[in-house]
Amino acid sequence: MKARVLVACAFVLAAAGPAFAAATGQEIRAAIAGNTIQGNMDASGPYAEFYDASGAIKGKDYVGQWNVEGDLMCFVYPNTPKQCWNVDINGDHVRWIKNGASQGTGTIIRGNPSGLGQVP
């Protein structure tokens, strides 16, 4: 009987997904500064952004600013209030966490291989 309960508990935990492990501010900077993240946000859909080490965000047809405040990554886009997120970093994968829930995911791509934010 105990074995069935343990197997059932393990299945429920696996289905729920891994717990979030929010990165520190230092880990966020090290993984993201100078790199591109391409992914999908639950509320707004697909994105690809280059996070310049200067704090500039460069998208395909927009710009913004990013910075790290404590252990949060904060974003400011034109005509939009600042939003800050916890970041779960696992290798080259990120999850954006707000209010304890995953709100999107992405893959870190070294550098700016797509030339985001550059004038053609």
C-alpha atoms as a PDB file:
ATOM      1  CA  MET A   1       0.000   0.000   0.000  1.00  0.00           C
ATOM      2  CA  LYS A   2       2.793   2.443   0.909  1.00  0.00           C
ATOM      3  CA  ALA A   3       4.469   1.815  -2.444  1.00  0.00           C
ATOM      4  CA  ARG A   4       1.291   2.763  -4.321  1.00  0.00           C
ATOM      5  CA  VAL A   5       0.938   5.975  -2.340  1.00  0.00           C
ATOM      6  CA  LEU A   6       4.586   6.894  -2.979  1.00  0.00           C
ATOM      7  CA  VAL A   7       4.239   6.176  -6.700  1.00  0.00           C
ATOM      8  CA  ALA A   8       1.047   8.270  -6.834  1.00  0.00           C
ATOM      9  CA  CYS A   9       2.768  11.151  -5.004  1.00  0.00           C
ATOM     10  CA  ALA A  10       5.776  10.978  -7.323  1.00  0.00           C
ATOM     11  CA  PHE A  11       3.475  11.086 -10.358  1.00  0.00           C
ATOM     12  CA  VAL A  12       1.608  14.135  -9.024  1.00  0.00           C
ATOM     13  CA  LEU A  13       4.864  15.971  -8.292  1.00  0.00           C
ATOM     14  CA  ALA A  14       6.282  15.140 -11.724  1.00  0.00           C
ATOM     15  CA  ALA A  15       3.104  16.347 -13.435  1.00  0.00           C
ATOM     16  CA  ALA A  16       3.228  19.613 -11.503  1.00  0.00           C
ATOM     17  CA  GLY A  17       6.716  20.302 -12.851  1.00  0.00           C
ATOM     18  CA  PRO A  18       9.852  21.251 -10.992  1.00  0.00           C
ATOM     19  CA  ALA A  19       9.844  23.893  -8.305  1.00  0.00           C
ATOM     20  CA  PHE A  20      11.118  27.317  -9.287  1.00  0.00           C
ATOM     21  CA  ALA A  21      14.711  28.114  -8.426  1.00  0.00           C
ATOM     22  CA  ALA A  22      14.954  31.872  -8.820  1.00  0.00           C
ATOM     23  CA  ALA A  23      18.386  33.068  -9.906  1.00  0.00           C
ATOM     24  CA  THR A  24      20.331  35.679  -7.978  1.00  0.00           C
ATOM     25  CA  GLY A  25      20.946  39.089  -9.505  1.00  0.00           C
ATOM     26  CA  GLN A  26      24.541  38.103 -10.229  1.00  0.00           C
ATOM     27  CA  GLU A  27      23.402  34.899 -11.975  1.00  0.00           C
ATOM     28  CA  ILE A  28      20.860  36.852 -14.043  1.00  0.00           C
ATOM     29  CA  ARG A  29      23.486  39.351 -15.250  1.00  0.00           C
ATOM     30  CA  ALA A  30      26.004  36.605 -16.042  1.00  0.00           C
ATOM     31  CA  ALA A  31      23.514  34.584 -18.106  1.00  0.00           C
ATOM     32  CA  ILE A  32      21.627  37.366 -19.891  1.00  0.00           C
ATOM     33  CA  ALA A  33      23.868  40.421 -20.447  1.00  0.00           C
ATOM     34  CA  GLY A  34      25.125  40.447 -24.028  1.00  0.00           C
ATOM     35  CA  ASN A  35      22.815  37.638 -25.124  1.00  0.00           C
ATOM     36  CA  THR A  36      19.508  37.103 -26.909  1.00  0.00           C
ATOM     37  CA  ILE A  37      16.505  35.319 -25.429  1.00  0.00           C
ATOM     38  CA  GLN A  38      13.911  33.829 -27.728  1.00  0.00           C
ATOM     39  CA  GLY A  39      10.742  32.349 -26.315  1.00  0.00           C
ATOM     40  CA  ASN A  40       7.072  32.742 -25.541  1.00  0.00           C
ATOM     41  CA  MET A  41       5.189  34.721 -22.895  1.00  0.00           C
ATOM     42  CA  ASP A  42       1.833  33.362 -21.806  1.00  0.00           C
ATOM     43  CA  ALA A  43       0.105  36.775 -22.075  1.00  0.00           C
ATOM     44  CA  SER A  44       1.753  38.263 -25.162  1.00  0.00           C
ATOM     45  CA  GLY A  45       3.117  35.398 -27.279  1.00  0.00           C
ATOM     46  CA  PRO A  46       6.474  34.887 -29.016  1.00  0.00           C
ATOM     47  CA  TYR A  47       9.416  37.219 -28.470  1.00  0.00           C
ATOM     48  CA  ALA A  48      13.101  37.574 -29.328  1.00  0.00           C
ATOM     49  CA  GLU A  49      15.165  40.231 -27.552  1.00  0.00           C
ATOM     50  CA  PHE A  50      18.852  41.093 -27.316  1.00  0.00           C
ATOM     51  CA  TYR A  51      19.865  42.306 -23.829  1.00  0.00           C
ATOM     52  CA  ASP A  52      22.826  44.591 -24.391  1.00  0.00           C
ATOM     53  CA  ALA A  53      25.253  44.824 -21.465  1.00  0.00           C
ATOM     54  CA  SER A  54      24.554  48.597 -21.427  1.00  0.00           C
ATOM     55  CA  GLY A  55      20.959  47.888 -20.328  1.00  0.00           C
ATOM     56  CA  ALA A  56      19.336  48.354 -23.733  1.00  0.00           C
ATOM     57  CA  ILE A  57      16.751  45.859 -24.969  1.00  0.00           C
ATOM     58  CA  LYS A  58      16.697  45.458 -28.732  1.00  0.00           C
ATOM     59  CA  GLY A  59      13.777  43.702 -30.401  1.00  0.00           C
ATOM     60  CA  LYS A  60      12.959  43.332 -34.067  1.00  0.00           C
ATOM     61  CA  ASP A  61      11.121  46.671 -34.246  1.00  0.00           C
ATOM     62  CA  TYR A  62      11.274  48.113 -30.716  1.00  0.00           C
ATOM     63  CA  VAL A  63      13.656  49.030 -27.928  1.00  0.00           C
ATOM     64  CA  GLY A  64      13.495  49.142 -24.153  1.00  0.00           C
ATOM     65  CA  GLN A  65      15.676  49.050 -21.059  1.00  0.00           C
ATOM     66  CA  TRP A  66      16.539  46.266 -18.629  1.00  0.00           C
ATOM     67  CA  ASN A  67      18.298  46.156 -15.288  1.00  0.00           C
ATOM     68  CA  VAL A  68      18.658  43.908 -12.276  1.00  0.00           C
ATOM     69  CA  GLU A  69      17.235  45.093  -8.961  1.00  0.00           C
ATOM     70  CA  GLY A  70      18.203  42.739  -6.156  1.00  0.00           C
ATOM     71  CA  ASP A  71      17.315  39.320  -7.524  1.00  0.00           C
ATOM     72  CA  LEU A  72      14.731  40.577 -10.034  1.00  0.00           C
ATOM     73  CA  MET A  73      15.114  41.408 -13.719  1.00  0.00           C
ATOM     74  CA  CYS A  74      13.206  44.578 -14.577  1.00  0.00           C
ATOM     75  CA  PHE A  75      11.983  45.763 -17.971  1.00  0.00           C
ATOM     76  CA  VAL A  76      10.857  49.172 -19.211  1.00  0.00           C
ATOM     77  CA  TYR A  77       9.382  49.605 -22.682  1.00  0.00           C
ATOM     78  CA  PRO A  78       8.056  52.850 -24.222  1.00  0.00           C
ATOM     79  CA  ASN A  79       4.672  53.837 -22.765  1.00  0.00           C
ATOM     80  CA  THR A  80       4.706  50.868 -20.377  1.00  0.00           C
ATOM     81  CA  PRO A  81       5.312  50.833 -16.619  1.00  0.00           C
ATOM     82  CA  LYS A  82       8.335  48.983 -15.272  1.00  0.00           C
ATOM     83  CA  GLN A  83       7.780  45.276 -14.605  1.00  0.00           C
ATOM     84  CA  CYS A  84      10.117  43.055 -12.591  1.00  0.00           C
ATOM     85  CA  TRP A  85      10.356  39.259 -12.677  1.00  0.00           C
ATOM     86  CA  ASN A  86      12.148  36.447 -10.928  1.00  0.00           C
ATOM     87  CA  VAL A  87      14.156  34.402 -13.406  1.00  0.00           C
ATOM     88  CA  ASP A  88      14.634  30.639 -13.195  1.00  0.00           C
ATOM     89  CA  ILE A  89      17.766  29.789 -15.208  1.00  0.00           C
ATOM     90  CA  ASN A  90      18.611  26.188 -16.060  1.00  0.00           C
ATOM     91  CA  GLY A  91      21.457  25.952 -18.570  1.00  0.00           C
ATOM     92  CA  ASP A  92      20.274  27.917 -21.605  1.00  0.00           C
ATOM     93  CA  HIS A  93      16.600  27.847 -20.567  1.00  0.00           C
ATOM     94  CA  VAL A  94      14.817  30.587 -18.633  1.00  0.00           C
ATOM     95  CA  ARG A  95      11.405  30.840 -17.019  1.00  0.00           C
ATOM     96  CA  TRP A  96       9.932  34.231 -16.167  1.00  0.00           C
ATOM     97  CA  ILE A  97       8.237  34.040 -12.764  1.00  0.00           C
ATOM     98  CA  LYS A  98       5.716  36.569 -11.461  1.00  0.00           C
ATOM     99  CA  ASN A  99       3.797  36.153  -8.202  1.00  0.00           C
ATOM    100  CA  GLY A 100       5.176  32.623  -7.839  1.00  0.00           C
ATOM    101  CA  ALA A 101       3.888  31.400 -11.201  1.00  0.00           C
ATOM    102  CA  SER A 102       5.633  30.791 -14.516  1.00  0.00           C
ATOM    103  CA  GLN A 103       4.503  33.435 -17.029  1.00  0.00           C
ATOM    104  CA  GLY A 104       6.742  32.467 -19.943  1.00  0.00           C
ATOM    105  CA  THR A 105       9.859  30.674 -21.078  1.00  0.00           C
ATOM    106  CA  GLY A 106      12.811  31.263 -23.339  1.00  0.00           C
ATOM    107  CA  THR A 107      16.122  29.997 -24.625  1.00  0.00           C
ATOM    108  CA  ILE A 108      19.344  31.960 -24.191  1.00  0.00           C
ATOM    109  CA  ILE A 109      21.227  32.365 -27.459  1.00  0.00           C
ATOM    110  CA  ARG A 110      24.794  33.630 -27.146  1.00  0.00           C
ATOM    111  CA  GLY A 111      25.343  37.121 -28.559  1.00  0.00           C
ATOM    112  CA  ASN A 112      23.046  38.814 -31.064  1.00  0.00           C
ATOM    113  CA  PRO A 113      23.144  36.428 -34.035  1.00  0.00           C
ATOM    114  CA  SER A 114      19.943  37.840 -35.600  1.00  0.00           C
ATOM    115  CA  GLY A 115      21.218  41.429 -35.443  1.00  0.00           C
ATOM    116  CA  LEU A 116      18.244  42.624 -33.356  1.00  0.00           C
ATOM    117  CA  GLY A 117      18.071  46.392 -33.094  1.00  0.00           C
ATOM    118  CA  GLN A 118      20.566  47.013 -35.885  1.00  0.00           C
ATOM    119  CA  VAL A 119      19.649  49.145 -38.852  1.00  0.00           C
ATOM    120  CA  PRO A 120      19.734  47.016 -42.053  1.00  0.00           C
END
